[in-house]
């Protein structure tokens, strides 16, 4: 039946992935890419509506694939900055405590 066809299953997988929030989708970009490629491989049997869906997910996949490394780098830099600020704060508090002890 049509419901059992591989491209319909692929579309269902893609729709399931599209329900993820952006962070989760970025972590699943390789799975998303695989499903998009599977759908493109069977594009000759898609309806017009399915072709439009395929074009939209191909565009999104391209954006995700090109932006994911940049987003990951920014998130890593933010994490490093947070760690650095936290360490400096801890060192400052220790220094203030040592100064207070020496003043007594």
N, C-alpha and C. Protein backbone atom coordinates (compact mmCIF):
# COMPACT_ATOMS: atom_id res chain seq x y z
N UNK A 1 0.84 -1.19 0.00
CA UNK A 1 0.00 0.00 0.00
C UNK A 1 0.87 1.24 0.00
N UNK A 2 0.25 2.37 -0.29
CA UNK A 2 0.96 3.65 -0.31
C UNK A 2 1.52 3.97 1.07
N UNK A 3 0.77 3.66 2.12
CA UNK A 3 1.23 3.97 3.48
C UNK A 3 2.49 3.22 3.85
N UNK A 4 2.72 2.07 3.23
CA UNK A 4 3.90 1.28 3.54
C UNK A 4 5.09 1.64 2.66
N UNK A 5 4.92 2.53 1.71
CA UNK A 5 6.02 2.84 0.79
C UNK A 5 7.16 3.53 1.54
N UNK A 6 8.39 3.27 1.11
CA UNK A 6 9.56 3.82 1.80
C UNK A 6 9.56 5.34 1.90
N UNK A 7 9.11 6.02 0.85
CA UNK A 7 9.17 7.48 0.91
C UNK A 7 8.17 8.04 1.93
N UNK A 8 7.04 7.37 2.13
CA UNK A 8 6.08 7.82 3.14
C UNK A 8 6.67 7.63 4.54
N UNK A 9 7.36 6.51 4.75
CA UNK A 9 8.03 6.29 6.04
C UNK A 9 9.11 7.35 6.27
N UNK A 10 9.84 7.68 5.23
CA UNK A 10 10.88 8.70 5.34
C UNK A 10 10.27 10.05 5.69
N UNK A 11 9.17 10.40 5.06
CA UNK A 11 8.49 11.66 5.36
C UNK A 11 8.04 11.68 6.81
N UNK A 12 7.52 10.56 7.29
CA UNK A 12 7.10 10.48 8.70
C UNK A 12 8.28 10.68 9.64
N UNK A 13 9.43 10.07 9.31
CA UNK A 13 10.63 10.25 10.13
C UNK A 13 11.05 11.72 10.14
N UNK A 14 11.03 12.35 8.98
CA UNK A 14 11.40 13.77 8.89
C UNK A 14 10.45 14.63 9.70
N UNK A 15 9.16 14.37 9.60
CA UNK A 15 8.18 15.16 10.37
C UNK A 15 8.39 14.97 11.86
N UNK A 16 8.75 13.76 12.27
CA UNK A 16 9.04 13.51 13.68
C UNK A 16 10.26 14.33 14.12
N UNK A 17 11.30 14.34 13.31
CA UNK A 17 12.49 15.13 13.64
C UNK A 17 12.18 16.63 13.68
N UNK A 18 11.27 17.07 12.83
CA UNK A 18 10.92 18.50 12.80
C UNK A 18 10.16 18.94 14.04
N UNK A 19 9.66 18.00 14.81
CA UNK A 19 8.98 18.35 16.07
C UNK A 19 9.98 18.65 17.18
N UNK A 20 11.23 18.28 16.99
CA UNK A 20 12.27 18.54 18.00
C UNK A 20 12.50 20.03 18.12
N UNK A 21 13.02 20.45 19.28
CA UNK A 21 13.42 21.85 19.37
C UNK A 21 14.74 22.01 18.60
N UNK A 22 15.14 23.23 18.38
CA UNK A 22 16.28 23.51 17.50
C UNK A 22 17.56 22.84 17.99
N UNK A 23 17.82 22.90 19.30
CA UNK A 23 19.04 22.29 19.83
C UNK A 23 19.07 20.79 19.56
N UNK A 24 17.95 20.12 19.79
CA UNK A 24 17.89 18.68 19.53
C UNK A 24 18.03 18.37 18.05
N UNK A 25 17.42 19.21 17.22
CA UNK A 25 17.52 19.00 15.77
C UNK A 25 18.96 19.18 15.30
N UNK A 26 19.67 20.15 15.88
CA UNK A 26 21.07 20.35 15.52
C UNK A 26 21.91 19.13 15.91
N UNK A 27 21.55 18.49 17.01
CA UNK A 27 22.28 17.28 17.42
C UNK A 27 21.94 16.10 16.51
N UNK A 28 20.80 16.16 15.85
CA UNK A 28 20.35 15.07 14.97
C UNK A 28 20.56 15.40 13.49
N UNK A 29 21.41 16.39 13.19
CA UNK A 29 21.55 16.85 11.81
C UNK A 29 22.00 15.72 10.87
N UNK A 30 22.79 14.79 11.36
CA UNK A 30 23.24 13.70 10.48
C UNK A 30 22.08 12.76 10.14
N UNK A 31 21.24 12.44 11.13
CA UNK A 31 20.05 11.62 10.85
C UNK A 31 19.11 12.36 9.90
N UNK A 32 18.92 13.65 10.17
CA UNK A 32 18.05 14.47 9.33
C UNK A 32 18.56 14.45 7.89
N UNK A 33 19.87 14.61 7.73
CA UNK A 33 20.48 14.61 6.40
C UNK A 33 20.25 13.27 5.70
N UNK A 34 20.40 12.18 6.43
CA UNK A 34 20.19 10.85 5.85
C UNK A 34 18.76 10.70 5.33
N UNK A 35 17.79 11.13 6.14
CA UNK A 35 16.39 11.01 5.71
C UNK A 35 16.09 11.92 4.51
N UNK A 36 16.69 13.12 4.50
CA UNK A 36 16.49 14.02 3.35
C UNK A 36 17.07 13.38 2.09
N UNK A 37 18.25 12.79 2.20
CA UNK A 37 18.86 12.13 1.04
C UNK A 37 18.03 10.93 0.58
N UNK A 38 17.48 10.19 1.54
CA UNK A 38 16.60 9.06 1.18
C UNK A 38 15.37 9.55 0.42
N UNK A 39 14.81 10.65 0.89
CA UNK A 39 13.62 11.20 0.23
C UNK A 39 13.97 11.69 -1.18
N UNK A 40 15.11 12.35 -1.30
CA UNK A 40 15.53 12.84 -2.61
C UNK A 40 15.76 11.68 -3.58
N UNK A 41 16.27 10.57 -3.07
CA UNK A 41 16.52 9.40 -3.92
C UNK A 41 15.23 8.82 -4.50
N UNK A 42 14.12 9.04 -3.81
CA UNK A 42 12.84 8.53 -4.33
C UNK A 42 11.94 9.66 -4.82
N UNK A 43 12.56 10.77 -5.21
CA UNK A 43 11.77 11.95 -5.62
C UNK A 43 10.91 11.69 -6.86
N UNK A 44 11.30 10.74 -7.67
CA UNK A 44 10.55 10.45 -8.90
C UNK A 44 9.15 9.90 -8.61
N UNK A 45 8.94 9.39 -7.38
CA UNK A 45 7.62 8.84 -7.08
C UNK A 45 6.79 9.73 -6.15
N UNK A 46 7.27 10.95 -5.88
CA UNK A 46 6.57 11.85 -4.96
C UNK A 46 5.44 12.61 -5.64
N UNK A 47 4.42 12.91 -4.87
CA UNK A 47 3.34 13.78 -5.36
C UNK A 47 3.85 15.22 -5.34
N UNK A 48 3.10 16.14 -5.92
CA UNK A 48 3.50 17.55 -5.91
C UNK A 48 3.65 18.08 -4.48
N UNK A 49 2.72 17.70 -3.62
CA UNK A 49 2.78 18.13 -2.22
C UNK A 49 4.04 17.58 -1.54
N UNK A 50 4.35 16.32 -1.81
CA UNK A 50 5.54 15.70 -1.23
C UNK A 50 6.81 16.32 -1.81
N UNK A 51 6.78 16.70 -3.08
CA UNK A 51 7.94 17.37 -3.69
C UNK A 51 8.20 18.72 -3.03
N UNK A 52 7.14 19.47 -2.75
CA UNK A 52 7.30 20.76 -2.06
C UNK A 52 7.87 20.55 -0.66
N UNK A 53 7.39 19.52 0.02
CA UNK A 53 7.93 19.18 1.34
C UNK A 53 9.41 18.84 1.22
N UNK A 54 9.76 18.03 0.23
CA UNK A 54 11.15 17.65 0.02
C UNK A 54 12.03 18.87 -0.22
N UNK A 55 11.56 19.79 -1.05
CA UNK A 55 12.33 21.01 -1.32
C UNK A 55 12.54 21.82 -0.05
N UNK A 56 11.50 21.90 0.78
CA UNK A 56 11.61 22.66 2.03
C UNK A 56 12.60 22.01 2.99
N UNK A 57 12.52 20.68 3.14
CA UNK A 57 13.45 20.03 4.08
C UNK A 57 14.87 20.00 3.52
N UNK A 58 15.02 19.98 2.19
CA UNK A 58 16.36 20.06 1.61
C UNK A 58 16.98 21.42 1.91
N UNK A 59 16.18 22.47 1.81
CA UNK A 59 16.66 23.81 2.14
C UNK A 59 17.05 23.88 3.62
N UNK A 60 16.18 23.39 4.49
CA UNK A 60 16.47 23.40 5.92
C UNK A 60 17.71 22.58 6.23
N UNK A 61 17.83 21.43 5.61
CA UNK A 61 19.00 20.57 5.84
C UNK A 61 20.28 21.29 5.45
N UNK A 62 20.25 22.00 4.33
CA UNK A 62 21.42 22.76 3.90
C UNK A 62 21.80 23.82 4.92
N UNK A 63 20.79 24.52 5.43
CA UNK A 63 21.04 25.54 6.44
C UNK A 63 21.58 24.92 7.73
N UNK A 64 20.97 23.83 8.16
CA UNK A 64 21.42 23.17 9.39
C UNK A 64 22.86 22.68 9.24
N UNK A 65 23.15 22.04 8.13
CA UNK A 65 24.49 21.49 7.91
C UNK A 65 25.54 22.59 7.88
N UNK A 66 25.22 23.73 7.28
CA UNK A 66 26.21 24.81 7.21
C UNK A 66 26.30 25.60 8.50
N UNK A 67 25.19 25.71 9.25
CA UNK A 67 25.20 26.51 10.47
C UNK A 67 25.58 25.73 11.72
N UNK A 68 25.39 24.43 11.72
CA UNK A 68 25.64 23.62 12.92
C UNK A 68 27.06 23.79 13.48
N UNK A 69 28.12 23.74 12.65
CA UNK A 69 29.47 23.91 13.20
C UNK A 69 29.66 25.30 13.83
N UNK A 70 29.10 26.33 13.21
CA UNK A 70 29.22 27.68 13.76
C UNK A 70 28.49 27.79 15.09
N UNK A 71 27.27 27.26 15.14
CA UNK A 71 26.49 27.31 16.38
C UNK A 71 27.20 26.54 17.48
N UNK A 72 27.75 25.39 17.15
CA UNK A 72 28.48 24.60 18.15
C UNK A 72 29.71 25.36 18.65
N UNK A 73 30.42 26.03 17.75
CA UNK A 73 31.59 26.81 18.15
C UNK A 73 31.20 27.95 19.09
N UNK A 74 30.10 28.63 18.78
CA UNK A 74 29.62 29.73 19.63
C UNK A 74 29.22 29.19 21.00
N UNK A 75 28.50 28.07 21.01
CA UNK A 75 28.09 27.47 22.29
C UNK A 75 29.31 27.05 23.11
N UNK A 76 30.32 26.49 22.46
CA UNK A 76 31.54 26.10 23.16
C UNK A 76 32.26 27.33 23.71
N UNK A 77 32.32 28.39 22.93
CA UNK A 77 32.95 29.63 23.40
C UNK A 77 32.19 30.20 24.58
N UNK A 78 30.86 30.16 24.52
CA UNK A 78 30.04 30.65 25.64
C UNK A 78 30.31 29.82 26.89
N UNK A 79 30.40 28.51 26.73
CA UNK A 79 30.67 27.63 27.87
C UNK A 79 32.04 27.94 28.46
N UNK A 80 33.05 28.10 27.60
CA UNK A 80 34.40 28.43 28.07
C UNK A 80 34.41 29.77 28.80
N UNK A 81 33.70 30.75 28.25
CA UNK A 81 33.62 32.07 28.88
C UNK A 81 32.98 31.95 30.26
N UNK A 82 31.90 31.19 30.35
CA UNK A 82 31.21 31.00 31.63
C UNK A 82 32.15 30.35 32.65
N UNK A 83 32.88 29.33 32.22
CA UNK A 83 33.84 28.65 33.11
C UNK A 83 34.92 29.63 33.57
N UNK A 84 35.43 30.43 32.65
CA UNK A 84 36.47 31.40 32.98
C UNK A 84 35.97 32.42 34.00
N UNK A 85 34.79 32.98 33.76
CA UNK A 85 34.21 33.96 34.68
C UNK A 85 33.97 33.33 36.04
N UNK A 86 33.48 32.12 36.06
CA UNK A 86 33.23 31.41 37.32
C UNK A 86 34.53 31.19 38.09
N UNK A 87 35.58 30.77 37.38
CA UNK A 87 36.88 30.57 38.03
C UNK A 87 37.46 31.87 38.57
N UNK A 88 37.34 32.93 37.81
CA UNK A 88 37.83 34.23 38.27
C UNK A 88 37.06 34.69 39.49
N UNK A 89 35.75 34.50 39.49
CA UNK A 89 34.93 34.86 40.65
C UNK A 89 35.39 34.07 41.88
N UNK A 90 35.60 32.76 41.72
CA UNK A 90 36.05 31.93 42.84
C UNK A 90 37.41 32.40 43.36
N UNK A 91 38.32 32.71 42.45
CA UNK A 91 39.65 33.18 42.86
C UNK A 91 39.55 34.52 43.58
N UNK A 92 38.69 35.40 43.10
CA UNK A 92 38.49 36.70 43.74
C UNK A 92 37.94 36.52 45.15
N UNK A 93 36.97 35.64 45.30
CA UNK A 93 36.39 35.39 46.63
C UNK A 93 37.44 34.80 47.57
N UNK A 94 38.27 33.88 47.08
CA UNK A 94 39.34 33.31 47.90
C UNK A 94 40.35 34.38 48.31
N UNK A 95 40.70 35.25 47.38
CA UNK A 95 41.64 36.33 47.67
C UNK A 95 41.07 37.27 48.72
N UNK A 96 39.80 37.65 48.58
CA UNK A 96 39.16 38.52 49.57
C UNK A 96 39.14 37.86 50.94
N UNK A 97 38.85 36.57 50.98
CA UNK A 97 38.83 35.85 52.26
C UNK A 97 40.22 35.83 52.88
N UNK A 98 41.26 35.59 52.06
CA UNK A 98 42.63 35.60 52.57
C UNK A 98 43.02 36.98 53.07
N UNK A 99 42.61 38.02 52.37
CA UNK A 99 42.91 39.39 52.81
C UNK A 99 42.21 39.68 54.13
N UNK A 100 40.98 39.25 54.28
CA UNK A 100 40.24 39.48 55.51
C UNK A 100 40.91 38.75 56.68
N UNK A 101 41.36 37.51 56.44
CA UNK A 101 42.03 36.74 57.50
C UNK A 101 43.32 37.43 57.91
N UNK A 102 44.09 37.96 56.95
CA UNK A 102 45.36 38.62 57.26
C UNK A 102 45.16 39.95 57.96
N UNK A 103 44.03 40.60 57.73
CA UNK A 103 43.76 41.88 58.37
C UNK A 103 43.38 41.70 59.84
N UNK A 104 42.95 40.54 60.21
CA UNK A 104 42.51 40.31 61.59
C UNK A 104 43.64 40.12 62.53
